[in-house]
Amino acid sequence: MIDKELQDYVAKKNSWNKVFDRNYKTLCLTSAVDRQKIANIIDSELSPENLTCDGELPRTHIAHRYKQLTKVAKQLKALDPTVKFYEYA
């Protein structure tokens, strides 16, 4: 069973990417390739520069984003233990 937070995260990414690219191929949690792409996106968002918006976000917002992203990363790792993360240990 796929957790709701992970499903919501992927749906949000797909909807935002469709806005900017009409030919965007939606990410799907049933595809191993797409699961690694999702892991790469989460890794990118967890990098210090992106997580803090280059230090512009307040600490409470950073903590909330970090908690949300690590929760989704944990759910993705539980769904597919073969995905690789670098920012999320």
N, C-alpha and C. Protein backbone atom coordinates (compact mmCIF):
# COMPACT_ATOMS: atom_id res chain seq x y z
N MET A 1 0.84 -1.19 0.00
CA MET A 1 0.00 0.00 0.00
C MET A 1 0.88 1.25 0.00
N ILE A 2 0.52 2.21 -0.82
CA ILE A 2 1.29 3.45 -0.94
C ILE A 2 0.69 4.49 0.01
N ASP A 3 1.56 5.11 0.80
CA ASP A 3 1.12 6.11 1.77
C ASP A 3 0.57 7.36 1.08
N LYS A 4 -0.40 7.97 1.74
CA LYS A 4 -1.07 9.15 1.20
C LYS A 4 -0.11 10.32 0.98
N GLU A 5 0.81 10.55 1.91
CA GLU A 5 1.74 11.68 1.78
C GLU A 5 2.59 11.53 0.52
N LEU A 6 3.04 10.30 0.25
CA LEU A 6 3.85 10.04 -0.95
C LEU A 6 3.02 10.24 -2.21
N GLN A 7 1.79 9.74 -2.20
CA GLN A 7 0.91 9.94 -3.36
C GLN A 7 0.65 11.42 -3.59
N ASP A 8 0.38 12.16 -2.52
CA ASP A 8 0.13 13.60 -2.64
C ASP A 8 1.35 14.34 -3.16
N TYR A 9 2.53 13.95 -2.67
CA TYR A 9 3.78 14.59 -3.11
C TYR A 9 3.96 14.40 -4.62
N VAL A 10 3.79 13.17 -5.10
CA VAL A 10 3.96 12.88 -6.52
C VAL A 10 2.90 13.61 -7.35
N ALA A 11 1.67 13.63 -6.88
CA ALA A 11 0.60 14.33 -7.61
C ALA A 11 0.91 15.82 -7.71
N LYS A 12 1.42 16.40 -6.62
CA LYS A 12 1.77 17.82 -6.63
C LYS A 12 2.90 18.10 -7.61
N LYS A 13 3.92 17.26 -7.60
CA LYS A 13 5.04 17.43 -8.54
C LYS A 13 4.55 17.30 -9.98
N ASN A 14 3.72 16.32 -10.23
CA ASN A 14 3.20 16.14 -11.59
C ASN A 14 2.37 17.34 -12.04
N SER A 15 1.53 17.86 -11.16
CA SER A 15 0.68 18.99 -11.57
C SER A 15 1.52 20.24 -11.81
N TRP A 16 2.52 20.50 -10.98
CA TRP A 16 3.39 21.67 -11.20
C TRP A 16 4.21 21.52 -12.48
N ASN A 17 4.73 20.34 -12.73
CA ASN A 17 5.55 20.14 -13.92
C ASN A 17 4.74 20.24 -15.20
N LYS A 18 3.47 19.82 -15.15
CA LYS A 18 2.61 19.97 -16.34
C LYS A 18 2.36 21.43 -16.68
N VAL A 19 2.35 22.30 -15.67
CA VAL A 19 2.16 23.73 -15.91
C VAL A 19 3.30 24.28 -16.76
N PHE A 20 4.51 23.82 -16.49
CA PHE A 20 5.68 24.37 -17.16
C PHE A 20 6.09 23.60 -18.41
N ASP A 21 5.59 22.39 -18.59
CA ASP A 21 5.96 21.58 -19.75
C ASP A 21 4.75 20.75 -20.18
N ARG A 22 4.14 21.15 -21.25
CA ARG A 22 2.94 20.45 -21.73
C ARG A 22 3.23 19.01 -22.13
N ASN A 23 4.46 18.72 -22.51
CA ASN A 23 4.84 17.37 -22.93
C ASN A 23 5.41 16.54 -21.78
N TYR A 24 5.26 17.03 -20.58
CA TYR A 24 5.81 16.36 -19.40
C TYR A 24 5.19 14.98 -19.22
N LYS A 25 6.05 13.97 -19.04
CA LYS A 25 5.58 12.61 -18.77
C LYS A 25 5.43 12.47 -17.26
N THR A 26 4.21 12.22 -16.82
CA THR A 26 3.94 12.15 -15.39
C THR A 26 4.72 11.02 -14.74
N LEU A 27 5.13 11.27 -13.51
CA LEU A 27 5.83 10.27 -12.72
C LEU A 27 4.82 9.31 -12.12
N CYS A 28 5.20 8.04 -12.06
CA CYS A 28 4.30 7.00 -11.55
C CYS A 28 5.05 6.16 -10.53
N LEU A 29 4.41 5.89 -9.41
CA LEU A 29 5.05 5.12 -8.35
C LEU A 29 5.17 3.64 -8.68
N THR A 30 4.53 3.18 -9.73
CA THR A 30 4.62 1.77 -10.11
C THR A 30 5.86 1.47 -10.96
N SER A 31 6.53 2.51 -11.42
CA SER A 31 7.71 2.35 -12.27
C SER A 31 8.98 2.53 -11.43
N ALA A 32 9.90 1.58 -11.52
CA ALA A 32 11.16 1.67 -10.77
C ALA A 32 11.98 2.89 -11.23
N VAL A 33 11.96 3.16 -12.51
CA VAL A 33 12.70 4.32 -13.04
C VAL A 33 12.11 5.60 -12.46
N ASP A 34 10.80 5.70 -12.45
CA ASP A 34 10.15 6.90 -11.90
C ASP A 34 10.38 7.03 -10.40
N ARG A 35 10.39 5.91 -9.69
CA ARG A 35 10.66 5.98 -8.25
C ARG A 35 12.05 6.56 -7.98
N GLN A 36 13.04 6.21 -8.82
CA GLN A 36 14.37 6.79 -8.64
C GLN A 36 14.35 8.26 -9.01
N LYS A 37 13.60 8.64 -10.03
CA LYS A 37 13.48 10.06 -10.38
C LYS A 37 12.87 10.84 -9.22
N ILE A 38 11.87 10.26 -8.59
CA ILE A 38 11.24 10.91 -7.43
C ILE A 38 12.25 11.05 -6.30
N ALA A 39 13.04 10.01 -6.07
CA ALA A 39 14.09 10.07 -5.05
C ALA A 39 15.09 11.18 -5.37
N ASN A 40 15.43 11.34 -6.64
CA ASN A 40 16.36 12.40 -7.05
C ASN A 40 15.76 13.79 -6.80
N ILE A 41 14.46 13.93 -7.04
CA ILE A 41 13.78 15.20 -6.79
C ILE A 41 13.79 15.52 -5.29
N ILE A 42 13.49 14.51 -4.49
CA ILE A 42 13.50 14.71 -3.03
C ILE A 42 14.90 15.09 -2.58
N ASP A 43 15.92 14.39 -3.11
CA ASP A 43 17.31 14.73 -2.78
C ASP A 43 17.62 16.18 -3.12
N SER A 44 17.18 16.61 -4.27
CA SER A 44 17.42 17.99 -4.69
C SER A 44 16.75 18.97 -3.73
N GLU A 45 15.53 18.67 -3.34
CA GLU A 45 14.81 19.55 -2.43
C GLU A 45 15.40 19.54 -1.02
N LEU A 46 16.09 18.46 -0.65
CA LEU A 46 16.72 18.37 0.66
C LEU A 46 18.11 19.01 0.72
N SER A 47 18.65 19.41 -0.43
CA SER A 47 19.96 20.06 -0.39
C SER A 47 19.82 21.36 0.41
N PRO A 48 20.83 21.72 1.16
CA PRO A 48 20.72 22.90 2.03
C PRO A 48 20.27 24.17 1.31
N GLU A 49 20.77 24.38 0.10
CA GLU A 49 20.41 25.59 -0.64
C GLU A 49 18.93 25.61 -1.00
N ASN A 50 18.42 24.48 -1.45
CA ASN A 50 17.01 24.41 -1.83
C ASN A 50 16.09 24.34 -0.62
N LEU A 51 16.50 23.61 0.39
CA LEU A 51 15.68 23.46 1.59
C LEU A 51 15.44 24.81 2.27
N THR A 52 16.46 25.64 2.30
CA THR A 52 16.36 26.92 3.00
C THR A 52 16.08 28.09 2.07
N CYS A 53 15.95 27.80 0.77
CA CYS A 53 15.82 28.87 -0.25
C CYS A 53 16.96 29.88 -0.06
N ASP A 54 18.18 29.33 -0.06
CA ASP A 54 19.40 30.12 0.13
C ASP A 54 19.37 30.95 1.41
N GLY A 55 18.80 30.38 2.46
CA GLY A 55 18.79 31.04 3.76
C GLY A 55 17.69 32.07 3.93
N GLU A 56 16.76 32.14 3.01
CA GLU A 56 15.70 33.15 3.05
C GLU A 56 14.48 32.73 3.87
N LEU A 57 14.33 31.43 4.12
CA LEU A 57 13.13 30.97 4.83
C LEU A 57 13.33 31.03 6.35
N PRO A 58 12.25 31.26 7.08
CA PRO A 58 12.34 31.20 8.54
C PRO A 58 12.57 29.75 9.00
N ARG A 59 13.16 29.61 10.16
CA ARG A 59 13.50 28.28 10.68
C ARG A 59 12.30 27.36 10.80
N THR A 60 11.16 27.90 11.18
CA THR A 60 9.98 27.05 11.34
C THR A 60 9.54 26.46 10.00
N HIS A 61 9.64 27.26 8.96
CA HIS A 61 9.27 26.79 7.62
C HIS A 61 10.27 25.73 7.14
N ILE A 62 11.54 25.96 7.41
CA ILE A 62 12.57 25.00 7.03
C ILE A 62 12.34 23.67 7.74
N ALA A 63 12.05 23.73 9.03
CA ALA A 63 11.81 22.52 9.81
C ALA A 63 10.60 21.76 9.28
N HIS A 64 9.55 22.48 8.91
CA HIS A 64 8.35 21.85 8.36
C HIS A 64 8.66 21.18 7.03
N ARG A 65 9.38 21.86 6.16
CA ARG A 65 9.75 21.29 4.85
C ARG A 65 10.62 20.06 5.03
N TYR A 66 11.58 20.15 5.94
CA TYR A 66 12.48 19.02 6.18
C TYR A 66 11.69 17.81 6.68
N LYS A 67 10.81 18.04 7.62
CA LYS A 67 10.00 16.95 8.17
C LYS A 67 9.15 16.31 7.08
N GLN A 68 8.53 17.13 6.26
CA GLN A 68 7.67 16.63 5.18
C GLN A 68 8.50 15.83 4.17
N LEU A 69 9.62 16.37 3.74
CA LEU A 69 10.44 15.69 2.73
C LEU A 69 11.05 14.39 3.26
N THR A 70 11.50 14.39 4.50
CA THR A 70 12.07 13.15 5.04
C THR A 70 10.99 12.09 5.25
N LYS A 71 9.79 12.51 5.58
CA LYS A 71 8.68 11.56 5.72
C LYS A 71 8.38 10.90 4.38
N VAL A 72 8.32 11.71 3.32
CA VAL A 72 8.05 11.18 1.98
C VAL A 72 9.21 10.29 1.53
N ALA A 73 10.44 10.69 1.82
CA ALA A 73 11.61 9.88 1.46
C ALA A 73 11.56 8.52 2.16
N LYS A 74 11.19 8.53 3.42
CA LYS A 74 11.09 7.28 4.18
C LYS A 74 10.02 6.38 3.58
N GLN A 75 8.90 6.96 3.19
CA GLN A 75 7.81 6.18 2.58
C GLN A 75 8.24 5.59 1.24
N LEU A 76 8.97 6.39 0.46
CA LEU A 76 9.46 5.91 -0.83
C LEU A 76 10.47 4.78 -0.63
N LYS A 77 11.35 4.94 0.34
CA LYS A 77 12.35 3.91 0.63
C LYS A 77 11.67 2.62 1.11
N ALA A 78 10.60 2.74 1.87
CA ALA A 78 9.85 1.57 2.32
C ALA A 78 9.17 0.87 1.14
N LEU A 79 8.69 1.68 0.19
CA LEU A 79 8.04 1.13 -1.00
C LEU A 79 9.06 0.43 -1.90
N ASP A 80 10.24 1.04 -2.04
CA ASP A 80 11.28 0.49 -2.91
C ASP A 80 12.64 0.67 -2.26
N PRO A 81 13.13 -0.35 -1.56
CA PRO A 81 14.42 -0.24 -0.87
C PRO A 81 15.62 -0.03 -1.81
N THR A 82 15.43 -0.21 -3.12
CA THR A 82 16.55 -0.06 -4.05
C THR A 82 16.80 1.39 -4.46
N VAL A 83 15.88 2.31 -4.15
CA VAL A 83 16.11 3.71 -4.55
C VAL A 83 17.28 4.27 -3.77
N LYS A 84 18.05 5.13 -4.41
CA LYS A 84 19.23 5.72 -3.80
C LYS A 84 18.95 7.18 -3.44
N PHE A 85 19.35 7.53 -2.23
CA PHE A 85 19.29 8.90 -1.75
C PHE A 85 20.69 9.33 -1.36
N TYR A 86 20.96 10.61 -1.44
CA TYR A 86 22.26 11.14 -1.02
C TYR A 86 22.09 12.14 0.12
N GLU A 87 21.08 13.00 0.03
CA GLU A 87 20.83 13.98 1.09
C GLU A 87 20.06 13.35 2.25
N TYR A 88 19.23 12.38 1.93
CA TYR A 88 18.46 11.67 2.97
C TYR A 88 19.18 10.36 3.26
N ALA A 89 19.56 10.18 4.50
CA ALA A 89 20.34 8.97 4.84
C ALA A 89 19.47 7.81 5.18
